[in-house]
């Protein structure tokens, strides 16, 4: 039986599943836009020109402008109120250091938006959140550094790091520049606490970011280094970024409901032993800067999954993804999913469509070590072929954890690499399925579907005129109705019903009836998506569409904690949440 804590966490995750009351997207978006215009009209600009060293709250009646690289340090907590806008100048960025916490909790009606001051200046009554622009690099990014294990040693690593798991292993975060002062640890991530919490991110949209620091050193939309599983991340959007959309280095954090659109490099980049889970993820490949090269403004892979560095280190990247929708570039795009350095990843109940090259690519190594010291099979690790046929609970003895079964919990069945119960559609490159076929992806037992022409797994997609950079041709998606259709509407199996996963019996990130992008995302506000929206009912903790006695019991059971039951998002379950629940008593709207 699940413990009370796990049951509560499961109820919390379910609370944010697509809701049951449908309204018109454009009407809801307009209402949200009008509401937020009202909340920021005449708002004071607050220049954030120094690091945040004491616990602080940012409120929606102000607009915050990050001046250069700012750090949340000294174990402080930054609470950002729902509806708050952070509109920064060029280079403005926020980094949460190890031991600090960011409680950044918006909601479907009042998301928290990180963008540039340039973008903010375009907002008006006609376009309450502006219009899509072919640009990025207008501000920095959001970086979070945690204390969970990472897999990195050897070339390019801290000299004291070891190949085996070690709480003393750490790394310097990509895109952040150390002051050089002895004892300055602000740019470090990694440690030995897989249950670490760096706070919560919910209903957060990050737009037009990605500062270029130097060659190969750029800021991603959202950078997560060594983040522990007690950090809660759901309903996150990255729209336009010069480098990767979301990049994760090590740690055990899980992600749910995430949208990554028009990214200038890899949309979802997984590195250094991330041992996490993801569900309900949308990736729409495109471009952010016209004329840029692939990797610096034009898309690369939808998902790039790298193992540890070097590839015999532990932890090794071990991932389980369910209900993903990957929309590629059919003319001359990149691989849909790309593997390197002993990485393991399961993709189940998903849609992989419109890829211009391979749907699965063995890239073998990222080349970050010399003398052949990387790649599948190095130093007694599994070969590429063997990784596909090895059970999830067969653990490598090379540089192993003392208790591997406790360290590797993301996967709970199947093989270390597997693709099951997916729909593949309109991947027309001659080599699109070469590697997939070689690995038995289309064996009957895997329940994968090669959809035929005219049987799109999503409701609709519209592309704009082609944009070319060198040999790369991008046909940008200008409208997407991602609701499940045809072979995606029903799946054979589903994700396991756990404290994190939702057992969703369809393929892809969206059901056939509800679109969780509605209202709060840039994609919705720019008119790039439309479908059934839902009226949120945050006090309905058990998901039965009625706020009543069972919800009161759950809230009292969570009293004094954080996360589940924190209706007002202030970081603690208490009297104000009780007041909110009692005020919402009765049937949800």
Protein backbone atom coordinates (compact mmCIF):
# COMPACT_ATOMS: atom_id res chain seq x y z
CA UNK A 1 0.00 0.00 0.00
CA UNK A 2 1.21 3.51 -0.77
CA UNK A 3 2.24 5.60 2.21
CA UNK A 4 0.08 8.62 3.15
CA UNK A 5 2.81 10.94 1.84
CA UNK A 6 2.91 9.15 -1.52
CA UNK A 7 -0.87 9.13 -1.77
CA UNK A 8 -0.94 12.87 -1.09
CA UNK A 9 1.71 13.52 -3.72
CA UNK A 10 -0.22 11.38 -6.19
CA UNK A 11 -3.40 13.35 -5.50
CA UNK A 12 -1.45 16.56 -5.99
CA UNK A 13 -0.14 15.47 -9.37
CA UNK A 14 -3.63 14.43 -10.41
CA UNK A 15 -4.95 17.82 -9.37
CA UNK A 16 -3.04 19.36 -12.26
CA UNK A 17 -4.18 16.87 -14.87
CA UNK A 18 -6.35 18.34 -17.65
CA UNK A 19 -9.61 19.45 -16.06
CA UNK A 20 -13.07 18.59 -17.07
CA UNK A 21 -14.87 21.85 -17.85
CA UNK A 22 -14.47 22.97 -21.48
CA UNK A 23 -14.50 26.58 -22.58
CA UNK A 24 -13.44 28.35 -25.73
CA UNK A 25 -9.66 28.87 -25.93
CA UNK A 26 -9.73 32.29 -27.50
CA UNK A 27 -12.27 33.57 -25.00
CA UNK A 28 -10.27 32.23 -22.08
CA UNK A 29 -7.01 33.55 -23.47
CA UNK A 30 -8.54 36.98 -24.00
CA UNK A 31 -9.92 36.98 -20.48
CA UNK A 32 -6.56 35.97 -19.03
CA UNK A 33 -4.80 38.58 -21.15
CA UNK A 34 -7.18 41.31 -20.07
CA UNK A 35 -6.82 40.28 -16.45
CA UNK A 36 -3.04 40.30 -16.62
CA UNK A 37 -2.89 43.59 -18.51
CA UNK A 38 -4.88 45.02 -15.67
CA UNK A 39 -2.54 43.53 -13.11
CA UNK A 40 0.61 45.04 -14.69
CA UNK A 41 -0.73 48.33 -16.04
CA UNK A 42 1.18 51.04 -14.27
CA UNK A 43 3.25 48.45 -12.40
CA UNK A 44 6.47 49.67 -10.90
CA UNK A 45 9.68 48.34 -12.45
CA UNK A 46 11.96 46.83 -9.81
CA UNK A 47 15.60 46.57 -10.86
CA UNK A 48 17.17 43.45 -9.36
CA UNK A 49 20.78 44.59 -9.31
CA UNK A 50 22.24 42.46 -6.51
CA UNK A 51 22.15 38.85 -5.40
CA UNK A 52 19.22 37.68 -3.28
CA UNK A 53 20.65 36.58 0.06
CA UNK A 54 17.58 36.68 2.34
CA UNK A 55 14.12 35.21 1.82
CA UNK A 56 12.11 37.50 -0.43
CA UNK A 57 8.72 37.65 -2.13
CA UNK A 58 8.10 39.13 -5.58
CA UNK A 59 4.54 40.30 -6.16
CA UNK A 60 2.44 40.68 -9.29
CA UNK A 61 1.95 44.43 -8.85
CA UNK A 62 5.61 44.91 -9.85
CA UNK A 63 7.61 44.00 -12.96
CA UNK A 64 11.08 42.69 -12.08
CA UNK A 65 14.12 43.39 -14.26
CA UNK A 66 17.16 41.19 -13.66
CA UNK A 67 20.33 43.25 -14.07
CA UNK A 68 23.08 40.90 -15.17
CA UNK A 69 23.58 37.47 -13.58
CA UNK A 70 21.80 37.40 -10.24
CA UNK A 71 22.07 34.56 -7.72
CA UNK A 72 19.68 33.29 -5.05
CA UNK A 73 22.11 32.27 -2.30
CA UNK A 74 22.67 31.62 1.41
CA UNK A 75 19.81 29.13 1.67
CA UNK A 76 17.28 31.89 1.03
CA UNK A 77 13.82 31.29 -0.47
CA UNK A 78 12.47 33.43 -3.29
CA UNK A 79 8.70 33.25 -3.56
CA UNK A 80 7.21 34.57 -6.81
CA UNK A 81 3.50 35.31 -6.73
CA UNK A 82 1.16 34.00 -9.42
CA UNK A 83 0.77 36.52 -12.25
CA UNK A 84 4.20 38.10 -11.73
CA UNK A 85 6.18 39.29 -14.77
CA UNK A 86 9.98 39.20 -14.89
CA UNK A 87 11.05 41.27 -17.91
CA UNK A 88 14.82 41.64 -18.03
CA UNK A 89 17.44 43.50 -19.99
CA UNK A 90 20.00 41.79 -22.19
CA UNK A 91 22.03 39.34 -20.09
CA UNK A 92 19.73 39.44 -17.07
CA UNK A 93 19.45 35.97 -15.53
CA UNK A 94 18.54 34.20 -12.30
CA UNK A 95 20.47 31.27 -10.83
CA UNK A 96 19.27 29.36 -7.78
CA UNK A 97 22.28 28.01 -5.89
CA UNK A 98 22.55 24.80 -3.89
CA UNK A 99 20.54 25.00 -0.68
CA UNK A 100 18.36 27.90 -1.83
CA UNK A 101 14.73 27.46 -2.89
CA UNK A 102 12.60 29.02 -5.61
CA UNK A 103 8.84 28.81 -5.00
CA UNK A 104 7.58 29.98 -8.38
CA UNK A 105 3.94 28.91 -8.45
CA UNK A 106 1.55 30.37 -11.01
CA UNK A 107 -1.75 28.97 -12.17
CA UNK A 108 -3.66 28.54 -15.42
CA UNK A 109 -5.16 32.03 -15.19
CA UNK A 110 -2.09 33.80 -13.82
CA UNK A 111 1.11 32.20 -15.09
CA UNK A 112 4.50 33.55 -14.09
CA UNK A 113 6.31 34.84 -17.17
CA UNK A 114 10.06 35.31 -17.60
CA UNK A 115 10.81 37.30 -20.74
CA UNK A 116 12.80 40.24 -22.05
CA UNK A 117 12.10 43.91 -21.57
CA UNK A 118 12.06 44.19 -25.36
CA UNK A 119 9.26 41.64 -25.54
CA UNK A 120 7.36 43.25 -22.67
CA UNK A 121 7.38 46.56 -24.54
CA UNK A 122 5.33 44.97 -27.34
CA UNK A 123 2.41 44.03 -25.08
CA UNK A 124 -0.73 46.08 -25.67
CA UNK A 125 -4.50 45.88 -25.58
CA UNK A 126 -4.63 44.19 -29.00
CA UNK A 127 -1.91 41.67 -28.18
CA UNK A 128 -1.91 41.42 -24.37
CA UNK A 129 1.16 39.20 -24.41
CA UNK A 130 2.68 40.35 -27.68
CA UNK A 131 3.14 38.33 -30.85
CA UNK A 132 5.63 35.68 -31.84
CA UNK A 133 8.93 37.16 -33.06
CA UNK A 134 11.85 35.38 -34.75
CA UNK A 135 14.38 36.19 -32.06
CA UNK A 136 16.05 34.98 -28.87
CA UNK A 137 19.03 35.92 -26.71
CA UNK A 138 17.16 39.00 -25.39
CA UNK A 139 17.85 38.07 -21.75
CA UNK A 140 19.56 35.21 -19.93
CA UNK A 141 17.73 32.29 -18.40
CA UNK A 142 16.60 30.49 -15.25
CA UNK A 143 19.17 28.09 -13.78
CA UNK A 144 18.67 25.87 -10.75
CA UNK A 145 21.56 24.07 -9.03
CA UNK A 146 20.91 21.24 -6.58
CA UNK A 147 22.61 18.69 -4.36
CA UNK A 148 21.78 15.37 -6.05
CA UNK A 149 24.33 12.97 -7.54
CA UNK A 150 25.86 13.68 -10.95
CA UNK A 151 28.05 11.50 -13.20
CA UNK A 152 31.11 13.46 -14.33
CA UNK A 153 34.84 12.80 -14.05
CA UNK A 154 37.95 12.93 -16.24
CA UNK A 155 38.55 15.45 -18.99
CA UNK A 156 36.82 18.76 -18.29
CA UNK A 157 35.72 17.72 -14.80
CA UNK A 158 36.74 18.92 -11.36
CA UNK A 159 40.02 17.15 -10.55
CA UNK A 160 38.70 15.57 -7.34
CA UNK A 161 35.64 13.97 -8.97
CA UNK A 162 35.51 10.18 -9.08
CA UNK A 163 34.05 7.71 -11.57
CA UNK A 164 31.98 6.03 -8.87
CA UNK A 165 29.08 7.87 -7.20
CA UNK A 166 30.42 10.34 -4.68
CA UNK A 167 28.64 13.04 -2.70
CA UNK A 168 31.72 15.19 -3.23
CA UNK A 169 31.39 15.20 -7.02
CA UNK A 170 30.28 18.53 -8.47
CA UNK A 171 30.52 20.58 -11.64
CA UNK A 172 30.42 24.20 -12.78
CA UNK A 173 27.14 25.10 -14.44
CA UNK A 174 27.26 25.77 -18.16
CA UNK A 175 26.61 29.42 -18.97
CA UNK A 176 27.50 30.73 -15.53
CA UNK A 177 30.81 32.49 -14.95
CA UNK A 178 32.50 32.16 -11.58
CA UNK A 179 33.80 35.29 -9.90
CA UNK A 180 37.13 33.55 -9.38
CA UNK A 181 37.04 34.42 -5.69
CA UNK A 182 38.24 31.52 -3.52
CA UNK A 183 35.26 29.83 -1.89
CA UNK A 184 32.74 31.10 -4.43
CA UNK A 185 30.51 28.07 -5.00
CA UNK A 186 27.56 29.84 -6.61
CA UNK A 187 28.08 28.13 -9.99
CA UNK A 188 28.40 24.60 -8.58
CA UNK A 189 25.86 21.80 -8.81
CA UNK A 190 25.90 18.21 -7.59
CA UNK A 191 26.14 16.43 -4.25
CA UNK A 192 24.80 13.34 -2.51
CA UNK A 193 21.12 14.02 -1.74
CA UNK A 194 18.80 12.58 -4.38
CA UNK A 195 15.78 13.73 -2.33
CA UNK A 196 16.92 17.35 -2.35
CA UNK A 197 14.33 20.08 -2.96
CA UNK A 198 15.06 23.31 -4.78
CA UNK A 199 11.42 24.43 -4.54
CA UNK A 200 8.62 24.37 -7.10
CA UNK A 201 7.99 25.63 -10.64
CA UNK A 202 4.37 25.53 -11.79
CA UNK A 203 2.67 27.35 -14.65
CA UNK A 204 5.85 29.19 -15.70
CA UNK A 205 6.59 30.45 -19.22
CA UNK A 206 10.14 31.39 -20.28
CA UNK A 207 10.45 33.33 -23.54
CA UNK A 208 13.18 34.73 -25.84
CA UNK A 209 16.16 33.82 -23.65
CA UNK A 210 19.57 32.21 -24.01
CA UNK A 211 22.57 34.47 -23.54
CA UNK A 212 25.69 33.43 -25.48
CA UNK A 213 28.59 33.50 -22.99
CA UNK A 214 31.24 32.10 -25.34
CA UNK A 215 31.96 29.36 -27.88
CA UNK A 216 29.98 26.30 -26.76
CA UNK A 217 28.90 28.10 -23.60
CA UNK A 218 25.34 29.34 -23.90
CA UNK A 219 22.35 29.60 -21.59
CA UNK A 220 19.50 27.18 -22.07
CA UNK A 221 15.89 28.16 -21.53
CA UNK A 222 15.82 26.23 -18.25
CA UNK A 223 19.00 24.68 -16.83
CA UNK A 224 18.68 22.05 -14.10
CA UNK A 225 21.88 20.74 -12.48
CA UNK A 226 21.80 18.04 -9.81
CA UNK A 227 18.16 18.69 -8.88
CA UNK A 228 16.57 16.28 -6.38
CA UNK A 229 13.25 14.50 -6.73
CA UNK A 230 11.52 16.55 -4.03
CA UNK A 231 11.64 19.54 -6.38
CA UNK A 232 8.26 19.86 -8.14
CA UNK A 233 8.19 20.95 -11.79
CA UNK A 234 5.00 20.94 -13.84
CA UNK A 235 3.37 23.16 -16.47
CA UNK A 236 6.58 24.68 -17.85
CA UNK A 237 6.98 26.32 -21.25
CA UNK A 238 10.07 27.40 -23.17
CA UNK A 239 9.30 29.55 -26.24
CA UNK A 240 12.27 30.57 -28.41
CA UNK A 241 15.78 30.10 -27.04
CA UNK A 242 19.18 30.39 -28.64
CA UNK A 243 20.50 27.13 -27.14
CA UNK A 244 18.71 24.09 -25.68
CA UNK A 245 15.17 24.36 -24.37
CA UNK A 246 15.51 22.37 -21.14
CA UNK A 247 18.81 20.75 -20.22
CA UNK A 248 19.20 18.47 -17.21
CA UNK A 249 22.55 17.42 -15.74
CA UNK A 250 22.30 14.56 -13.29
CA UNK A 251 19.87 14.53 -10.39
CA UNK A 252 16.49 12.86 -9.99
CA UNK A 253 13.92 15.61 -10.62
CA UNK A 254 10.74 14.68 -12.53
CA UNK A 255 8.87 16.85 -15.08
CA UNK A 256 5.22 16.88 -16.04
CA UNK A 257 3.31 19.00 -18.58
CA UNK A 258 6.15 20.76 -20.39
CA UNK A 259 6.13 22.51 -23.76
CA UNK A 260 9.30 23.34 -25.70
CA UNK A 261 8.83 25.29 -28.93
CA UNK A 262 11.19 26.90 -31.50
CA UNK A 263 14.53 26.09 -29.91
CA UNK A 264 17.91 26.90 -31.45
CA UNK A 265 19.63 23.64 -30.47
CA UNK A 266 18.33 20.45 -28.83
CA UNK A 267 14.87 20.90 -27.35
CA UNK A 268 15.30 18.46 -24.44
CA UNK A 269 18.92 17.64 -23.54
CA UNK A 270 19.65 15.04 -20.84
CA UNK A 271 23.15 14.59 -19.40
CA UNK A 272 25.46 13.39 -16.64
CA UNK A 273 23.31 10.70 -15.13
CA UNK A 274 19.81 12.17 -14.92
CA UNK A 275 17.67 9.45 -13.34
CA UNK A 276 14.25 10.97 -13.78
CA UNK A 277 10.80 10.61 -15.23
CA UNK A 278 8.81 12.80 -17.58
CA UNK A 279 5.21 12.73 -18.76
CA UNK A 280 3.06 14.91 -21.00
CA UNK A 281 5.78 16.70 -22.94
CA UNK A 282 5.35 18.60 -26.21
CA UNK A 283 8.32 19.43 -28.43
CA UNK A 284 7.81 21.51 -31.57
CA UNK A 285 11.04 21.89 -33.52
CA UNK A 286 11.62 25.14 -35.37
CA UNK A 287 13.93 28.11 -35.19
CA UNK A 288 14.39 31.14 -33.00
CA UNK A 289 16.82 33.30 -34.98
CA UNK A 290 16.64 33.60 -38.77
CA UNK A 291 19.93 32.89 -40.53
CA UNK A 292 21.52 31.24 -37.50
CA UNK A 293 23.27 27.88 -37.70
CA UNK A 294 21.86 24.65 -36.36
CA UNK A 295 22.64 24.63 -32.64
CA UNK A 296 22.69 28.41 -32.29
CA UNK A 297 19.23 29.45 -33.43
CA UNK A 298 18.11 26.63 -35.76
CA UNK A 299 16.83 23.35 -34.34
CA UNK A 300 18.86 20.25 -33.69
CA UNK A 301 17.41 17.06 -32.16
CA UNK A 302 14.11 16.96 -30.32
CA UNK A 303 15.71 14.86 -27.57
CA UNK A 304 19.44 14.36 -27.05
CA UNK A 305 20.27 11.91 -24.28
CA UNK A 306 23.89 11.68 -23.11
CA UNK A 307 25.21 9.33 -20.47
CA UNK A 308 27.74 10.07 -17.79
CA UNK A 309 31.04 11.80 -18.53
CA UNK A 310 33.12 9.66 -19.06
CA UNK A 311 30.66 7.04 -20.14
CA UNK A 312 31.72 4.42 -17.56
CA UNK A 313 30.92 6.76 -14.66
CA UNK A 314 27.88 6.41 -12.45
CA UNK A 315 25.22 7.54 -12.14
CA UNK A 316 24.49 6.92 -15.82
CA UNK A 317 21.54 8.64 -17.46
CA UNK A 318 18.49 6.40 -16.99
CA UNK A 319 15.14 7.88 -18.00
CA UNK A 320 11.49 6.91 -18.41
CA UNK A 321 9.31 9.13 -20.60
CA UNK A 322 5.59 8.63 -21.24
CA UNK A 323 3.11 10.56 -23.35
CA UNK A 324 5.46 12.70 -25.38
CA UNK A 325 4.56 14.45 -28.66
CA UNK A 326 7.61 15.17 -30.81
CA UNK A 327 6.95 17.32 -33.90
CA UNK A 328 10.03 17.60 -36.09
CA UNK A 329 11.01 19.32 -39.31
CA UNK A 330 10.20 17.16 -42.35
CA UNK A 331 12.23 19.00 -45.00
CA UNK A 332 15.76 18.75 -43.61
CA UNK A 333 15.49 18.42 -39.87
CA UNK A 334 17.56 16.55 -37.35
CA UNK A 335 17.14 13.22 -35.58
CA UNK A 336 14.09 12.94 -33.36
CA UNK A 337 16.00 11.14 -30.58
CA UNK A 338 19.78 10.87 -30.33
CA UNK A 339 21.77 8.66 -27.92
CA UNK A 340 25.32 8.99 -26.62
CA UNK A 341 27.69 7.58 -24.01
CA UNK A 342 25.83 4.65 -22.50
CA UNK A 343 22.57 6.57 -21.95
CA UNK A 344 19.37 4.61 -21.30
CA UNK A 345 15.94 5.97 -22.15
CA UNK A 346 12.46 4.54 -22.49
CA UNK A 347 9.85 6.32 -24.63
CA UNK A 348 6.35 4.93 -24.31
CA UNK A 349 2.82 5.99 -25.31
CA UNK A 350 4.20 8.77 -27.48
CA UNK A 351 4.00 10.36 -30.92
CA UNK A 352 7.10 10.82 -33.10
CA UNK A 353 6.20 12.66 -36.30
CA UNK A 354 7.60 14.81 -39.10
CA UNK A 355 11.25 14.01 -38.44
CA UNK A 356 13.53 14.94 -41.33
CA UNK A 357 16.13 12.32 -40.43
CA UNK A 358 16.31 9.29 -38.14
CA UNK A 359 13.72 8.80 -35.45
CA UNK A 360 16.41 6.98 -33.44
CA UNK A 361 20.11 7.71 -33.86
CA UNK A 362 23.12 6.12 -32.17
CA UNK A 363 25.53 9.04 -31.96
CA UNK A 364 27.71 6.89 -29.64
CA UNK A 365 29.77 9.66 -28.04
CA UNK A 366 29.89 13.39 -27.47
CA UNK A 367 33.67 13.34 -27.84
CA UNK A 368 34.32 14.93 -24.45
CA UNK A 369 37.08 12.46 -23.58
CA UNK A 370 40.12 11.38 -25.55
CA UNK A 371 41.55 8.06 -26.67
CA UNK A 372 38.23 6.29 -27.18
CA UNK A 373 37.27 6.70 -23.54
CA UNK A 374 33.60 7.25 -24.25
CA UNK A 375 30.69 5.61 -25.96
CA UNK A 376 28.69 2.44 -25.53
CA UNK A 377 30.80 -0.53 -24.43
CA UNK A 378 33.66 1.50 -22.95
CA UNK A 379 35.42 -0.16 -20.00
CA UNK A 380 33.04 -3.10 -19.72
CA UNK A 381 29.80 -1.17 -20.00
CA UNK A 382 26.99 -2.45 -22.22
CA UNK A 383 27.24 -2.16 -25.97
CA UNK A 384 24.58 -0.24 -27.85
CA UNK A 385 22.88 -3.43 -29.00
CA UNK A 386 22.99 -5.04 -25.54
CA UNK A 387 21.43 -1.98 -23.90
CA UNK A 388 18.29 -2.61 -25.96
CA UNK A 389 17.98 -6.21 -24.74
CA UNK A 390 18.94 -5.78 -21.08
CA UNK A 391 16.23 -5.56 -18.42
CA UNK A 392 15.79 -2.30 -16.55
CA UNK A 393 16.84 -3.92 -13.24
CA UNK A 394 20.14 -5.35 -14.44
CA UNK A 395 22.71 -2.94 -13.05
CA UNK A 396 26.25 -2.33 -14.24
CA UNK A 397 29.00 -3.38 -11.84
CA UNK A 398 31.36 -0.78 -13.33
CA UNK A 399 31.80 2.09 -10.82
CA UNK A 400 28.54 1.04 -9.18
CA UNK A 401 26.37 2.46 -6.42
CA UNK A 402 26.41 0.51 -3.15
CA UNK A 403 22.66 -0.09 -3.63
CA UNK A 404 21.86 0.19 -7.36
CA UNK A 405 18.17 -0.68 -6.98
CA UNK A 406 17.70 2.27 -4.64
CA UNK A 407 19.65 4.61 -6.92
CA UNK A 408 17.90 3.71 -10.20
CA UNK A 409 14.13 4.02 -9.70
CA UNK A 410 13.01 5.93 -12.80
CA UNK A 411 12.40 2.78 -14.82
CA UNK A 412 10.13 0.12 -13.34
CA UNK A 413 9.74 -2.39 -16.18
CA UNK A 414 10.98 -3.24 -19.66
CA UNK A 415 14.41 -2.77 -21.18
CA UNK A 416 17.02 -0.07 -20.53
CA UNK A 417 16.26 1.38 -23.96
CA UNK A 418 12.80 0.76 -25.32
CA UNK A 419 10.13 2.32 -27.51
CA UNK A 420 6.69 0.84 -26.90
CA UNK A 421 3.08 1.74 -27.66
CA UNK A 422 4.08 4.71 -29.84
CA UNK A 423 2.80 6.19 -33.11
CA UNK A 424 5.32 7.02 -35.85
CA UNK A 425 3.97 9.30 -38.57
CA UNK A 426 5.29 11.14 -41.63
CA UNK A 427 8.96 10.40 -40.99
CA UNK A 428 9.84 10.20 -44.68
CA UNK A 429 13.64 10.27 -44.77
CA UNK A 430 15.09 7.15 -46.40
CA UNK A 431 16.94 6.32 -43.18
CA UNK A 432 14.14 7.34 -40.80
CA UNK A 433 13.54 3.84 -39.46
CA UNK A 434 16.84 2.09 -40.19
CA UNK A 435 18.10 2.01 -36.61
CA UNK A 436 14.63 1.49 -35.18
CA UNK A 437 14.14 -1.58 -37.34
CA UNK A 438 17.57 -2.95 -36.44
CA UNK A 439 16.65 -2.75 -32.75
CA UNK A 440 13.31 -4.50 -33.15
CA UNK A 441 11.21 -1.46 -32.40
CA UNK A 442 8.47 -2.65 -34.75
CA UNK A 443 8.22 -6.15 -33.32
CA UNK A 444 4.57 -6.93 -32.63
CA UNK A 445 5.11 -7.21 -28.87
CA UNK A 446 6.14 -3.54 -28.70
CA UNK A 447 2.73 -2.31 -29.92
CA UNK A 448 4.23 0.48 -32.01
CA UNK A 449 2.24 1.81 -34.97
CA UNK A 450 3.53 3.07 -38.32
CA UNK A 451 0.62 5.35 -39.20
CA UNK A 452 -0.30 5.66 -42.83
CA UNK A 453 -0.69 8.87 -44.83
CA UNK A 454 -3.92 10.61 -43.98
CA UNK A 455 -4.00 9.14 -40.46
CA UNK A 456 -2.33 11.93 -38.51
CA UNK A 457 -2.07 11.20 -34.78
CA UNK A 458 -2.91 14.84 -33.96
CA UNK A 459 -5.94 16.93 -34.89
CA UNK A 460 -4.17 19.47 -37.13
CA UNK A 461 -0.90 21.21 -37.94
CA UNK A 462 -0.22 24.28 -40.09
CA UNK A 463 3.26 25.32 -41.20
CA UNK A 464 4.40 28.71 -42.39
CA UNK A 465 6.75 29.60 -45.26
CA UNK A 466 10.13 27.87 -45.27
CA UNK A 467 13.10 29.59 -43.63
CA UNK A 468 16.56 28.47 -44.72
CA UNK A 469 19.95 28.55 -43.04
CA UNK A 470 22.64 26.90 -45.13
CA UNK A 471 21.39 23.42 -45.93
CA UNK A 472 18.80 23.45 -43.16
CA UNK A 473 15.22 24.20 -44.15
CA UNK A 474 12.70 24.93 -41.41
CA UNK A 475 8.98 25.04 -42.03
CA UNK A 476 7.83 26.69 -38.79
CA UNK A 477 4.68 25.45 -37.10
CA UNK A 478 2.28 28.38 -36.87
CA UNK A 479 -0.74 26.47 -35.60
CA UNK A 480 -1.05 23.17 -33.78
CA UNK A 481 -4.08 21.38 -32.44
CA UNK A 482 -2.27 18.58 -30.60
CA UNK A 483 -5.30 16.56 -29.52
CA UNK A 484 -5.02 12.82 -30.10
CA UNK A 485 -6.56 11.40 -33.25
CA UNK A 486 -6.64 8.05 -35.06
CA UNK A 487 -3.97 5.67 -33.72
CA UNK A 488 -3.10 8.07 -30.88
CA UNK A 489 -6.59 8.25 -29.40
CA UNK A 490 -6.25 4.90 -27.62
CA UNK A 491 -3.16 3.04 -26.46
CA UNK A 492 -2.63 -0.61 -25.60
CA UNK A 493 -1.04 0.15 -22.23
CA UNK A 494 -0.30 3.18 -20.10
CA UNK A 495 2.17 4.60 -17.65
CA UNK A 496 2.15 2.86 -14.28
CA UNK A 497 -0.12 4.54 -11.73
CA UNK A 498 2.49 5.81 -9.26
CA UNK A 499 3.10 8.83 -7.09
CA UNK A 500 4.27 10.64 -10.23
CA UNK A 501 2.89 9.00 -13.37
CA UNK A 502 -0.72 9.22 -14.51
CA UNK A 503 -2.17 6.10 -16.18
CA UNK A 504 -3.25 7.77 -19.44
CA UNK A 505 -4.66 5.42 -22.08
CA UNK A 506 -3.65 7.37 -25.16
CA UNK A 507 -0.51 8.12 -27.14
CA UNK A 508 1.12 11.51 -27.09
CA UNK A 509 0.99 14.41 -24.66
CA UNK A 510 -2.71 15.20 -25.11
CA UNK A 511 -5.95 13.28 -24.88
CA UNK A 512 -8.57 13.52 -27.61
CA UNK A 513 -10.56 16.18 -25.74
CA UNK A 514 -8.42 18.56 -23.69
CA UNK A 515 -5.46 20.83 -24.37
CA UNK A 516 -3.38 21.72 -21.30
CA UNK A 517 -1.59 24.50 -23.25
CA UNK A 518 -4.68 26.68 -23.15
CA UNK A 519 -4.52 30.15 -21.69
CA UNK A 520 -1.24 30.19 -19.78
CA UNK A 521 1.33 29.50 -22.52
CA UNK A 522 2.85 31.78 -25.13
CA UNK A 523 1.69 29.24 -27.72
CA UNK A 524 -1.89 29.89 -26.64
CA UNK A 525 -1.49 33.63 -26.25
CA UNK A 526 0.09 33.94 -29.72
CA UNK A 527 -2.78 31.99 -31.30
CA UNK A 528 -0.58 29.01 -32.13
CA UNK A 529 -2.90 26.47 -30.52
CA UNK A 530 -6.60 26.13 -29.88
CA UNK A 531 -8.85 23.53 -28.38
CA UNK A 532 -10.88 22.86 -25.26
CA UNK A 533 -9.68 24.72 -22.20
CA UNK A 534 -10.57 24.02 -18.62
CA UNK A 535 -11.60 26.14 -15.69
CA UNK A 536 -9.17 25.42 -12.82
CA UNK A 537 -10.49 24.29 -9.45
CA UNK A 538 -7.38 24.33 -7.28
CA UNK A 539 -9.14 23.51 -4.02
CA UNK A 540 -10.45 20.24 -5.48
CA UNK A 541 -7.60 18.19 -4.07
CA UNK A 542 -9.02 14.76 -4.86
CA UNK A 543 -10.07 15.59 -8.42
CA UNK A 544 -13.78 14.77 -8.16
CA UNK A 545 -14.87 18.27 -9.29
CA UNK A 546 -16.43 18.99 -5.90
CA UNK A 547 -14.72 20.89 -3.08
CA UNK A 548 -15.93 19.22 0.09
CA UNK A 549 -15.16 17.07 3.11
CA UNK A 550 -12.64 14.73 1.43
CA UNK A 551 -10.62 17.74 0.25
CA UNK A 552 -10.71 19.24 3.73
CA UNK A 553 -9.36 15.99 5.15
CA UNK A 554 -6.53 15.92 2.64
CA UNK A 555 -5.61 19.52 3.36
CA UNK A 556 -5.54 18.93 7.12
CA UNK A 557 -3.39 15.86 6.54
CA UNK A 558 -0.89 18.00 4.64
CA UNK A 559 -0.95 20.83 7.21
CA UNK A 560 2.43 22.46 7.76
CA UNK A 561 4.02 20.91 4.71
CA UNK A 562 4.62 22.26 1.22
CA UNK A 563 3.55 21.20 -2.26
CA UNK A 564 0.30 19.23 -2.07
CA UNK A 565 -2.44 21.30 -0.41
CA UNK A 566 -0.63 24.62 -0.88
CA UNK A 567 -3.56 26.19 -2.69
CA UNK A 568 -2.27 29.75 -2.60
CA UNK A 569 1.32 28.80 -3.54
CA UNK A 570 3.00 30.54 -0.62
CA UNK A 571 5.18 27.54 0.17
CA UNK A 572 3.33 26.25 3.23
CA UNK A 573 -0.03 24.56 3.85
CA UNK A 574 -1.81 26.65 6.44
CA UNK A 575 -4.66 28.96 7.34
CA UNK A 576 -4.82 30.87 4.08
CA UNK A 577 -5.17 27.59 2.17
CA UNK A 578 -7.97 26.53 4.52
CA UNK A 579 -9.71 29.83 3.84
CA UNK A 580 -9.36 29.31 0.10
CA UNK A 581 -10.79 25.82 0.32
CA UNK A 582 -13.78 26.89 2.40
CA UNK A 583 -14.40 29.80 0.03
CA UNK A 584 -14.56 27.41 -2.92
CA UNK A 585 -16.84 24.92 -1.17
CA UNK A 586 -19.24 23.12 -3.48
CA UNK A 587 -19.22 22.06 -7.12
CA UNK A 588 -16.38 23.32 -9.29
CA UNK A 589 -17.38 25.79 -12.01
